[in-house]
Amino acid sequence: MKKLIFILSIVCTVFSGFSQNKGKALLNEVSEKVKNYDNISIDFKYILENTAENIKQETRGDVVLEGEKYKLNILGITRLYDGKTLYTISPEDEEVTITTQAEDEADAITPSKMLSFYEDGYTYAMDIVQNIKGRKIQYVKLTPIDSNSEIDYILLGIDATTKHIYNLIQIGKNGTKTTLTVNSFKTNEPLSKTLFTFDADKYQDYYINKID
């Protein structure tokens, strides 16, 4: 789950400053646009690969974001964060884990940070441009400033027209490649007032595991 929630190297000395300024400017555009939305609903595809370990996991999920609050559905589990408390609901195990959201890990790209994690802690460089199904996707390469980071680099694909994030490709120093691709991106949808509220009455038969 940590690899999801969740989900950047200077190419050459002469052009690094120019490239970083352009990359940072593009990401600033993306960030400002995202901050103007009341809420965001995303359906996505998630792929985790490690060739050396013969691992490939592919799944789909969806998340609704409103400020720091979110509701994430993936791998049959629902993660509900109301801004203070995180509820992880597992119907298969009939268990609800309740904890405060631990966002102090530098490499943890949580749903509430998914569209803004890149604002601090990275150097930036413009990368390749790809035409994907008629869409111009500009990639920005982000490299962690922290040399102890488990991340080697991240490629963030930006739709040049909408200035929305199209995909995120994270390469770990252990060779693991994590790709998150946005299938649909909707904004300012009418949301239920209780969407981010945990209703204990629905889980009376579940084991409630309070960590803190």
C-alpha atoms as a PDB file:
ATOM      1  CA  MET A   1       0.000   0.000   0.000  1.00  0.00           C
ATOM      2  CA  LYS A   2       2.884   2.330   0.797  1.00  0.00           C
ATOM      3  CA  LYS A   3       4.206   1.837  -2.761  1.00  0.00           C
ATOM      4  CA  LEU A   4       0.836   3.190  -4.058  1.00  0.00           C
ATOM      5  CA  ILE A   5       0.104   5.936  -1.744  1.00  0.00           C
ATOM      6  CA  PHE A   6       2.039   6.734  -4.072  1.00  0.00           C
ATOM      7  CA  ILE A   7       3.196   6.609  -5.932  1.00  0.00           C
ATOM      8  CA  LEU A   8      12.587  12.859  -9.348  1.00  0.00           C
ATOM      9  CA  SER A   9      18.481  14.096 -11.830  1.00  0.00           C
ATOM     10  CA  ILE A  10      19.990  16.844 -13.575  1.00  0.00           C
ATOM     11  CA  VAL A  11      20.793  15.726 -17.153  1.00  0.00           C
ATOM     12  CA  CYS A  12      23.718  17.968 -17.954  1.00  0.00           C
ATOM     13  CA  THR A  13      25.500  20.869 -16.330  1.00  0.00           C
ATOM     14  CA  VAL A  14      24.977  23.407 -19.088  1.00  0.00           C
ATOM     15  CA  PHE A  15      21.208  23.032 -19.382  1.00  0.00           C
ATOM     16  CA  SER A  16      20.319  21.893 -15.871  1.00  0.00           C
ATOM     17  CA  GLY A  17      19.351  25.326 -14.545  1.00  0.00           C
ATOM     18  CA  PHE A  18      17.219  26.141 -17.591  1.00  0.00           C
ATOM     19  CA  SER A  19      15.566  22.734 -17.535  1.00  0.00           C
ATOM     20  CA  GLN A  20      14.887  22.853 -13.820  1.00  0.00           C
ATOM     21  CA  ASN A  21      13.278  26.292 -14.089  1.00  0.00           C
ATOM     22  CA  LYS A  22      11.000  25.099 -16.902  1.00  0.00           C
ATOM     23  CA  GLY A  23      10.132  21.898 -15.056  1.00  0.00           C
ATOM     24  CA  LYS A  24       9.372  23.759 -11.845  1.00  0.00           C
ATOM     25  CA  ALA A  25       7.280  26.328 -13.730  1.00  0.00           C
ATOM     26  CA  LEU A  26       5.181  23.580 -15.342  1.00  0.00           C
ATOM     27  CA  LEU A  27       4.602  21.832 -12.020  1.00  0.00           C
ATOM     28  CA  ASN A  28       3.654  25.161 -10.442  1.00  0.00           C
ATOM     29  CA  GLU A  29       0.948  25.505 -13.113  1.00  0.00           C
ATOM     30  CA  VAL A  30      -0.343  22.031 -12.296  1.00  0.00           C
ATOM     31  CA  SER A  31      -0.313  22.736  -8.558  1.00  0.00           C
ATOM     32  CA  GLU A  32      -2.151  26.043  -8.839  1.00  0.00           C
ATOM     33  CA  LYS A  33      -4.829  24.511 -11.044  1.00  0.00           C
ATOM     34  CA  VAL A  34      -5.390  21.619  -8.630  1.00  0.00           C
ATOM     35  CA  LYS A  35      -5.706  23.967  -5.646  1.00  0.00           C
ATOM     36  CA  ASN A  36      -8.573  25.795  -7.338  1.00  0.00           C
ATOM     37  CA  TYR A  37     -10.788  22.688  -7.387  1.00  0.00           C
ATOM     38  CA  ASP A  38     -13.198  22.021  -4.516  1.00  0.00           C
ATOM     39  CA  ASN A  39     -12.721  18.275  -4.947  1.00  0.00           C
ATOM     40  CA  ILE A  40     -11.198  15.788  -7.364  1.00  0.00           C
ATOM     41  CA  SER A  41     -12.347  12.265  -8.300  1.00  0.00           C
ATOM     42  CA  ILE A  42      -9.827   9.970  -9.990  1.00  0.00           C
ATOM     43  CA  ASP A  43     -10.048   6.467 -11.431  1.00  0.00           C
ATOM     44  CA  PHE A  44      -6.598   4.992 -11.991  1.00  0.00           C
ATOM     45  CA  LYS A  45      -4.565   1.942 -12.977  1.00  0.00           C
ATOM     46  CA  TYR A  46      -1.711   0.877 -10.727  1.00  0.00           C
ATOM     47  CA  ILE A  47       1.189  -1.384 -11.762  1.00  0.00           C
ATOM     48  CA  LEU A  48       4.017  -2.593  -9.524  1.00  0.00           C
ATOM     49  CA  GLU A  49       6.947  -4.344 -11.243  1.00  0.00           C
ATOM     50  CA  ASN A  50      10.287  -5.771 -10.172  1.00  0.00           C
ATOM     51  CA  THR A  51      11.871  -7.871 -12.912  1.00  0.00           C
ATOM     52  CA  ALA A  52      14.682  -9.191 -10.712  1.00  0.00           C
ATOM     53  CA  GLU A  53      12.155 -10.491  -8.183  1.00  0.00           C
ATOM     54  CA  ASN A  54       9.739 -11.682 -10.907  1.00  0.00           C
ATOM     55  CA  ILE A  55       6.971  -9.496  -9.486  1.00  0.00           C
ATOM     56  CA  LYS A  56       4.208  -7.835 -11.472  1.00  0.00           C
ATOM     57  CA  GLN A  57       1.012  -6.657  -9.836  1.00  0.00           C
ATOM     58  CA  GLU A  58      -1.669  -4.740 -11.698  1.00  0.00           C
ATOM     59  CA  THR A  59      -4.908  -3.377 -10.306  1.00  0.00           C
ATOM     60  CA  ARG A  60      -7.371  -0.539 -10.596  1.00  0.00           C
ATOM     61  CA  GLY A  61      -8.654   1.846  -7.993  1.00  0.00           C
ATOM     62  CA  ASP A  62     -10.398   5.125  -7.366  1.00  0.00           C
ATOM     63  CA  VAL A  63      -9.966   8.017  -4.983  1.00  0.00           C
ATOM     64  CA  VAL A  64     -11.938  11.120  -4.054  1.00  0.00           C
ATOM     65  CA  LEU A  65      -9.925  14.055  -2.684  1.00  0.00           C
ATOM     66  CA  GLU A  66     -11.154  17.138  -0.856  1.00  0.00           C
ATOM     67  CA  GLY A  67      -8.362  19.117   0.764  1.00  0.00           C
ATOM     68  CA  GLU A  68      -6.572  16.729   3.124  1.00  0.00           C
ATOM     69  CA  LYS A  69      -9.558  14.368   3.226  1.00  0.00           C
ATOM     70  CA  TYR A  70      -9.799  11.347   0.953  1.00  0.00           C
ATOM     71  CA  LYS A  71     -11.558   8.075   0.271  1.00  0.00           C
ATOM     72  CA  LEU A  72      -9.447   5.497  -1.533  1.00  0.00           C
ATOM     73  CA  ASN A  73     -10.606   2.116  -2.849  1.00  0.00           C
ATOM     74  CA  ILE A  74      -7.973  -0.360  -3.993  1.00  0.00           C
ATOM     75  CA  LEU A  75      -7.271  -4.109  -3.716  1.00  0.00           C
ATOM     76  CA  GLY A  76     -10.631  -4.633  -2.012  1.00  0.00           C
ATOM     77  CA  ILE A  77      -9.707  -2.266   0.826  1.00  0.00           C
ATOM     78  CA  THR A  78     -11.130   1.190   1.596  1.00  0.00           C
ATOM     79  CA  ARG A  79      -8.963   3.839   3.219  1.00  0.00           C
ATOM     80  CA  LEU A  80     -10.964   6.743   4.638  1.00  0.00           C
ATOM     81  CA  TYR A  81      -9.226   9.841   6.010  1.00  0.00           C
ATOM     82  CA  ASP A  82     -11.354  12.571   7.572  1.00  0.00           C
ATOM     83  CA  GLY A  83      -8.490  15.007   8.088  1.00  0.00           C
ATOM     84  CA  LYS A  84      -7.583  13.674  11.537  1.00  0.00           C
ATOM     85  CA  THR A  85      -8.087   9.923  11.607  1.00  0.00           C
ATOM     86  CA  LEU A  86      -7.376   7.193   9.063  1.00  0.00           C
ATOM     87  CA  TYR A  87      -9.763   4.229   8.806  1.00  0.00           C
ATOM     88  CA  THR A  88      -8.623   1.185   6.840  1.00  0.00           C
ATOM     89  CA  ILE A  89     -11.593  -1.073   6.131  1.00  0.00           C
ATOM     90  CA  SER A  90     -11.012  -4.664   5.011  1.00  0.00           C
ATOM     91  CA  PRO A  91     -14.236  -6.584   4.237  1.00  0.00           C
ATOM     92  CA  GLU A  92     -12.250  -9.764   3.558  1.00  0.00           C
ATOM     93  CA  ASP A  93     -10.771  -9.736   7.064  1.00  0.00           C
ATOM     94  CA  GLU A  94     -13.841  -8.071   8.604  1.00  0.00           C
ATOM     95  CA  GLU A  95     -11.498  -5.623  10.274  1.00  0.00           C
ATOM     96  CA  VAL A  96     -11.248  -1.847  10.643  1.00  0.00           C
ATOM     97  CA  THR A  97      -7.881  -0.372  11.601  1.00  0.00           C
ATOM     98  CA  ILE A  98      -8.056   3.097  13.122  1.00  0.00           C
ATOM     99  CA  THR A  99      -5.028   5.353  13.446  1.00  0.00           C
ATOM    100  CA  THR A 100      -3.837   8.888  12.987  1.00  0.00           C
ATOM    101  CA  GLN A 101      -2.457   9.388   9.489  1.00  0.00           C
ATOM    102  CA  ALA A 102       1.301   8.824   9.533  1.00  0.00           C
ATOM    103  CA  GLU A 103       2.628  11.155   6.866  1.00  0.00           C
ATOM    104  CA  ASP A 104       6.092  11.719   8.321  1.00  0.00           C
ATOM    105  CA  GLU A 105       7.796   9.217   6.026  1.00  0.00           C
ATOM    106  CA  ALA A 106       9.598  11.179   3.335  1.00  0.00           C
ATOM    107  CA  ASP A 107       8.958   8.589   0.610  1.00  0.00           C
ATOM    108  CA  ALA A 108       5.261   8.093   1.379  1.00  0.00           C
ATOM    109  CA  ILE A 109       3.100   9.598  -1.374  1.00  0.00           C
ATOM    110  CA  THR A 110      -0.310   9.445   0.292  1.00  0.00           C
ATOM    111  CA  PRO A 111      -3.575  10.190  -1.553  1.00  0.00           C
ATOM    112  CA  SER A 112      -3.839  13.629   0.040  1.00  0.00           C
ATOM    113  CA  LYS A 113      -0.341  14.414  -1.263  1.00  0.00           C
ATOM    114  CA  MET A 114      -0.743  12.706  -4.638  1.00  0.00           C
ATOM    115  CA  LEU A 115      -1.261  15.928  -6.574  1.00  0.00           C
ATOM    116  CA  SER A 116       1.159  18.083  -4.589  1.00  0.00           C
ATOM    117  CA  PHE A 117       3.954  15.836  -3.245  1.00  0.00           C
ATOM    118  CA  TYR A 118       6.386  17.230  -5.826  1.00  0.00           C
ATOM    119  CA  GLU A 119       6.304  20.777  -4.451  1.00  0.00           C
ATOM    120  CA  ASP A 120       9.215  20.195  -2.050  1.00  0.00           C
ATOM    121  CA  GLY A 121      12.180  17.875  -1.697  1.00  0.00           C
ATOM    122  CA  TYR A 122      13.094  17.351  -5.346  1.00  0.00           C
ATOM    123  CA  THR A 123      15.197  18.772  -8.140  1.00  0.00           C
ATOM    124  CA  TYR A 124      13.466  19.078 -11.505  1.00  0.00           C
ATOM    125  CA  ALA A 125      14.405  18.549 -15.148  1.00  0.00           C
ATOM    126  CA  MET A 126      12.264  18.588 -18.273  1.00  0.00           C
ATOM    127  CA  ASP A 127      12.233  15.131 -19.871  1.00  0.00           C
ATOM    128  CA  ILE A 128      10.711  13.653 -23.033  1.00  0.00           C
ATOM    129  CA  VAL A 129       7.406  14.520 -24.694  1.00  0.00           C
ATOM    130  CA  GLN A 130       5.147  11.656 -25.796  1.00  0.00           C
ATOM    131  CA  ASN A 131       2.029  11.570 -27.925  1.00  0.00           C
ATOM    132  CA  ILE A 132      -0.348   9.198 -26.140  1.00  0.00           C
ATOM    133  CA  LYS A 133      -3.654   8.606 -27.901  1.00  0.00           C
ATOM    134  CA  GLY A 134      -3.548  12.104 -29.381  1.00  0.00           C
ATOM    135  CA  ARG A 135      -2.577  13.748 -26.092  1.00  0.00           C
ATOM    136  CA  LYS A 136       0.725  15.582 -25.707  1.00  0.00           C
ATOM    137  CA  ILE A 137       2.283  14.375 -22.462  1.00  0.00           C
ATOM    138  CA  GLN A 138       5.267  16.344 -21.161  1.00  0.00           C
ATOM    139  CA  TYR A 139       7.377  14.476 -18.627  1.00  0.00           C
ATOM    140  CA  VAL A 140       9.232  16.127 -15.777  1.00  0.00           C
ATOM    141  CA  LYS A 141      11.963  14.160 -14.023  1.00  0.00           C
ATOM    142  CA  LEU A 142      12.097  14.592 -10.254  1.00  0.00           C
ATOM    143  CA  THR A 143      15.102  13.470  -8.220  1.00  0.00           C
ATOM    144  CA  PRO A 144      14.956  13.391  -4.412  1.00  0.00           C
ATOM    145  CA  ILE A 145      17.282  15.860  -2.703  1.00  0.00           C
ATOM    146  CA  ASP A 146      17.659  13.411   0.192  1.00  0.00           C
ATOM    147  CA  SER A 147      20.427  10.993  -0.809  1.00  0.00           C
ATOM    148  CA  ASN A 148      19.010   8.415   1.615  1.00  0.00           C
ATOM    149  CA  SER A 149      15.667   8.297  -0.185  1.00  0.00           C
ATOM    150  CA  GLU A 150      14.501   4.862  -1.362  1.00  0.00           C
ATOM    151  CA  ILE A 151      13.398   6.553  -4.610  1.00  0.00           C
ATOM    152  CA  ASP A 152      15.891   6.817  -7.478  1.00  0.00           C
ATOM    153  CA  TYR A 153      13.703   9.177  -9.527  1.00  0.00           C
ATOM    154  CA  ILE A 154      10.121   9.896 -10.567  1.00  0.00           C
ATOM    155  CA  LEU A 155       8.777  10.768 -13.998  1.00  0.00           C
ATOM    156  CA  LEU A 156       5.628  12.858 -13.785  1.00  0.00           C
ATOM    157  CA  GLY A 157       3.599  13.013 -17.015  1.00  0.00           C
ATOM    158  CA  ILE A 158       1.621  16.224 -17.497  1.00  0.00           C
ATOM    159  CA  ASP A 159      -1.101  16.717 -20.125  1.00  0.00           C
ATOM    160  CA  ALA A 160       0.146  19.818 -21.928  1.00  0.00           C
ATOM    161  CA  THR A 161      -3.400  20.986 -22.706  1.00  0.00           C
ATOM    162  CA  THR A 162      -5.274  20.422 -19.437  1.00  0.00           C
ATOM    163  CA  LYS A 163      -2.242  20.759 -17.113  1.00  0.00           C
ATOM    164  CA  HIS A 164      -3.488  17.686 -15.250  1.00  0.00           C
ATOM    165  CA  ILE A 165      -1.294  14.791 -14.158  1.00  0.00           C
ATOM    166  CA  TYR A 166      -1.608  11.902 -16.623  1.00  0.00           C
ATOM    167  CA  ASN A 167       0.692   9.407 -14.952  1.00  0.00           C
ATOM    168  CA  LEU A 168       3.431   8.920 -12.401  1.00  0.00           C
ATOM    169  CA  ILE A 169       6.337   6.516 -12.865  1.00  0.00           C
ATOM    170  CA  GLN A 170       8.422   5.901  -9.752  1.00  0.00           C
ATOM    171  CA  ILE A 171      11.737   4.043  -9.962  1.00  0.00           C
ATOM    172  CA  GLY A 172      13.078   2.701  -6.680  1.00  0.00           C
ATOM    173  CA  LYS A 173      16.731   2.142  -5.888  1.00  0.00           C
ATOM    174  CA  ASN A 174      15.870  -1.547  -5.417  1.00  0.00           C
ATOM    175  CA  GLY A 175      14.740  -1.778  -9.051  1.00  0.00           C
ATOM    176  CA  THR A 176      11.009  -1.608  -8.345  1.00  0.00           C
ATOM    177  CA  LYS A 177       8.972   0.353 -10.892  1.00  0.00           C
ATOM    178  CA  THR A 178       5.606   1.718  -9.811  1.00  0.00           C
ATOM    179  CA  THR A 179       3.276   3.256 -12.392  1.00  0.00           C
ATOM    180  CA  LEU A 180       0.029   5.056 -11.667  1.00  0.00           C
ATOM    181  CA  THR A 181      -1.998   6.098 -14.720  1.00  0.00           C
ATOM    182  CA  VAL A 182      -5.077   8.308 -14.489  1.00  0.00           C
ATOM    183  CA  ASN A 183      -8.009   6.874 -16.456  1.00  0.00           C
ATOM    184  CA  SER A 184     -10.489   9.599 -15.542  1.00  0.00           C
ATOM    185  CA  PHE A 185     -10.097  12.938 -13.770  1.00  0.00           C
ATOM    186  CA  LYS A 186     -13.248  14.731 -12.615  1.00  0.00           C
ATOM    187  CA  THR A 187     -13.488  17.907 -10.603  1.00  0.00           C
ATOM    188  CA  ASN A 188     -16.039  19.727  -8.447  1.00  0.00           C
ATOM    189  CA  GLU A 189     -18.433  16.776  -8.326  1.00  0.00           C
ATOM    190  CA  PRO A 190     -21.421  16.894  -5.924  1.00  0.00           C
ATOM    191  CA  LEU A 191     -20.296  14.872  -2.894  1.00  0.00           C
ATOM    192  CA  SER A 192     -22.258  13.460  -0.003  1.00  0.00           C
ATOM    193  CA  LYS A 193     -21.651  15.374   3.236  1.00  0.00           C
ATOM    194  CA  THR A 194     -20.846  12.062   4.922  1.00  0.00           C
ATOM    195  CA  LEU A 195     -18.457  10.730   2.259  1.00  0.00           C
ATOM    196  CA  PHE A 196     -15.416  11.138   4.500  1.00  0.00           C
ATOM    197  CA  THR A 197     -17.219  10.194   7.724  1.00  0.00           C
ATOM    198  CA  PHE A 198     -16.699   6.762   9.267  1.00  0.00           C
ATOM    199  CA  ASP A 199     -20.034   5.152  10.217  1.00  0.00           C
ATOM    200  CA  ALA A 200     -19.291   2.680  13.013  1.00  0.00           C
ATOM    201  CA  ASP A 201     -22.830   1.262  12.849  1.00  0.00           C
ATOM    202  CA  LYS A 202     -22.018  -0.330   9.478  1.00  0.00           C
ATOM    203  CA  TYR A 203     -19.160  -2.336  10.980  1.00  0.00           C
ATOM    204  CA  GLN A 204     -20.569  -3.646  14.262  1.00  0.00           C
ATOM    205  CA  ASP A 205     -19.541  -7.205  13.343  1.00  0.00           C
ATOM    206  CA  TYR A 206     -16.002  -6.167  12.391  1.00  0.00           C
ATOM    207  CA  TYR A 207     -12.938  -6.368  14.621  1.00  0.00           C
ATOM    208  CA  ILE A 208     -11.963  -2.787  15.474  1.00  0.00           C
ATOM    209  CA  ASN A 209      -8.197  -2.373  15.770  1.00  0.00           C
ATOM    210  CA  LYS A 210      -7.298   0.990  17.325  1.00  0.00           C
ATOM    211  CA  ILE A 211      -3.578   1.590  16.970  1.00  0.00           C
ATOM    212  CA  ASP A 212      -3.373   4.985  18.681  1.00  0.00           C
END
